[in-house]
């Protein structure tokens, strides 16, 4: 079973767009005691557009090469080799773990929306733990178990 699904990070995308609009309105109207210079405005604009491109979606792929977690346009990615996976299970992450790439007790969290996640334990030089946020956790777990014959 091949698995390839994407989730859009509507919250973070909307937040960054609101920041871009706020900065643009401030720049155009010259708000504040020290209005933004053109250089500062363009720098902020480029920064937030780049952040949107980095984090607007989360793509999860399960194929012969392993489990791939790819953010946005693909600059940020992570892969777990299939032969190193020891177990997989569904979990719920507490809301305060948040979105994005986070260190959590025992490992890492890759999430873009919601609290549902798939926990994958794998061995590199020692046992590591990764939680991958997914609204489609049942199909993701089924694909991992079928593809790699793990528990």
Protein backbone atom coordinates (compact mmCIF):
# COMPACT_ATOMS: atom_id res chain seq x y z
CA UNK A 1 0.00 0.00 0.00
CA UNK A 2 1.42 3.34 -1.04
CA UNK A 3 0.49 6.35 1.06
CA UNK A 4 0.94 9.96 -0.04
CA UNK A 5 -1.23 12.62 1.62
CA UNK A 6 -0.89 16.33 2.20
CA UNK A 7 -2.44 18.56 4.82
CA UNK A 8 -2.72 22.31 4.45
CA UNK A 9 -1.76 24.44 7.45
CA UNK A 10 -4.61 26.92 7.19
CA UNK A 11 -4.02 28.45 10.61
CA UNK A 12 -0.33 29.25 10.17
CA UNK A 13 -0.86 30.41 6.57
CA UNK A 14 -3.70 32.75 7.59
CA UNK A 15 -1.62 34.06 10.50
CA UNK A 16 1.34 34.89 8.26
CA UNK A 17 -0.94 36.51 5.67
CA UNK A 18 -2.45 38.69 8.42
CA UNK A 19 1.05 39.72 9.48
CA UNK A 20 1.92 40.58 5.86
CA UNK A 21 -1.27 42.67 5.55
CA UNK A 22 -0.59 44.44 8.88
CA UNK A 23 3.01 45.24 7.95
CA UNK A 24 1.92 46.45 4.50
CA UNK A 25 -0.79 48.71 5.91
CA UNK A 26 1.68 50.10 8.47
CA UNK A 27 4.26 50.75 5.76
CA UNK A 28 1.85 52.38 3.30
CA UNK A 29 0.24 54.62 5.94
CA UNK A 30 3.48 55.35 7.82
CA UNK A 31 2.09 54.38 11.25
CA UNK A 32 4.17 54.87 14.38
CA UNK A 33 6.84 57.27 15.58
CA UNK A 34 9.42 55.59 13.36
CA UNK A 35 7.66 54.27 10.24
CA UNK A 36 9.15 51.26 8.46
CA UNK A 37 11.80 52.00 5.87
CA UNK A 38 11.43 50.46 2.45
CA UNK A 39 14.33 48.08 3.21
CA UNK A 40 12.75 46.91 6.48
CA UNK A 41 9.36 46.49 4.81
CA UNK A 42 10.75 44.45 1.91
CA UNK A 43 12.83 42.34 4.32
CA UNK A 44 9.77 41.52 6.44
CA UNK A 45 7.69 40.84 3.34
CA UNK A 46 10.29 38.43 1.94
CA UNK A 47 10.72 36.75 5.34
CA UNK A 48 7.00 36.03 5.83
CA UNK A 49 6.47 34.92 2.23
CA UNK A 50 9.41 32.54 2.68
CA UNK A 51 7.90 31.25 5.96
CA UNK A 52 4.58 30.62 4.23
CA UNK A 53 6.36 28.65 1.50
CA UNK A 54 8.23 26.61 4.12
CA UNK A 55 5.23 25.69 6.27
CA UNK A 56 1.99 25.95 4.26
CA UNK A 57 1.55 22.17 4.01
CA UNK A 58 2.73 18.89 5.46
CA UNK A 59 3.12 15.94 3.10
CA UNK A 60 3.50 12.42 4.45
CA UNK A 61 4.69 9.64 2.14
CA UNK A 62 5.10 5.94 2.84
CA UNK A 63 7.00 4.13 0.09
CA UNK A 64 9.86 1.69 -0.41
CA UNK A 65 12.41 4.29 0.73
CA UNK A 66 10.73 4.87 4.10
CA UNK A 67 8.41 7.31 5.82
CA UNK A 68 8.94 10.83 4.52
CA UNK A 69 7.69 13.99 6.22
CA UNK A 70 7.97 17.01 3.92
CA UNK A 71 7.03 20.59 4.83
CA UNK A 72 5.94 23.22 2.31
CA UNK A 73 8.00 23.36 -0.87
CA UNK A 74 10.32 20.59 0.34
CA UNK A 75 13.28 22.38 1.88
CA UNK A 76 12.46 20.91 5.30
CA UNK A 77 12.13 17.13 5.19
CA UNK A 78 12.71 14.10 7.35
CA UNK A 79 12.88 10.39 6.45
CA UNK A 80 12.75 7.25 8.57
CA UNK A 81 14.38 4.21 6.96
CA UNK A 82 11.98 1.24 6.88
CA UNK A 83 14.39 -1.32 8.34
CA UNK A 84 14.87 0.82 11.44
CA UNK A 85 11.18 1.06 12.48
CA UNK A 86 10.34 -0.91 15.62
CA UNK A 87 6.70 0.04 16.24
CA UNK A 88 3.93 2.41 15.22
CA UNK A 89 0.80 3.47 17.10
CA UNK A 90 -1.76 6.26 17.14
CA UNK A 91 -1.59 8.91 19.83
CA UNK A 92 -3.06 12.28 20.69
CA UNK A 93 -0.65 15.07 21.35
CA UNK A 94 -1.60 17.60 24.02
CA UNK A 95 -2.75 20.91 22.51
CA UNK A 96 0.19 22.75 24.10
CA UNK A 97 2.64 20.79 21.92
CA UNK A 98 1.48 23.13 19.15
CA UNK A 99 2.21 23.09 15.43
CA UNK A 100 5.37 22.88 13.41
CA UNK A 101 8.53 21.03 14.35
CA UNK A 102 8.81 20.56 18.10
CA UNK A 103 10.94 18.71 20.58
CA UNK A 104 8.70 16.66 22.87
CA UNK A 105 9.55 14.36 25.76
CA UNK A 106 11.36 11.41 24.20
CA UNK A 107 11.53 12.68 20.63
CA UNK A 108 10.21 15.05 17.98
CA UNK A 109 6.80 16.16 16.75
CA UNK A 110 6.06 17.11 13.13
CA UNK A 111 2.58 18.62 13.03
CA UNK A 112 0.61 21.16 11.03
CA UNK A 113 -2.93 20.84 12.40
CA UNK A 114 -4.88 19.11 15.15
CA UNK A 115 -3.77 16.84 17.96
CA UNK A 116 -4.00 13.43 16.26
CA UNK A 117 -0.63 11.90 15.54
CA UNK A 118 1.09 8.67 14.65
CA UNK A 119 3.95 7.69 16.92
CA UNK A 120 6.84 5.90 15.23
CA UNK A 121 9.70 4.38 17.18
CA UNK A 122 12.89 3.64 15.26
CA UNK A 123 16.49 2.78 15.94
CA UNK A 124 19.35 4.94 14.73
CA UNK A 125 22.24 4.86 17.19
CA UNK A 126 19.67 4.53 19.97
CA UNK A 127 15.88 4.30 20.09
CA UNK A 128 14.22 7.46 18.85
CA UNK A 129 10.61 8.57 18.80
CA UNK A 130 8.79 10.68 16.23
CA UNK A 131 5.18 11.83 16.23
CA UNK A 132 3.73 12.74 12.86
CA UNK A 133 0.55 14.80 12.97
CA UNK A 134 -2.12 13.37 10.70
CA UNK A 135 -5.89 13.71 10.40
CA UNK A 136 -5.80 10.40 8.48
CA UNK A 137 -3.99 8.41 11.16
CA UNK A 138 -5.79 5.08 10.61
CA UNK A 139 -4.79 4.88 6.94
CA UNK A 140 -1.26 6.08 7.71
CA UNK A 141 -0.77 3.38 10.35
CA UNK A 142 -2.26 0.73 8.03
CA UNK A 143 0.11 1.79 5.23
CA UNK A 144 3.16 1.67 7.52
CA UNK A 145 2.23 -1.73 8.97
CA UNK A 146 1.45 -3.22 5.57
CA UNK A 147 4.50 -1.82 3.81
CA UNK A 148 7.10 -2.63 6.51
CA UNK A 149 5.49 -5.47 8.51
CA UNK A 150 5.86 -3.71 11.89
CA UNK A 151 3.68 -3.92 15.00
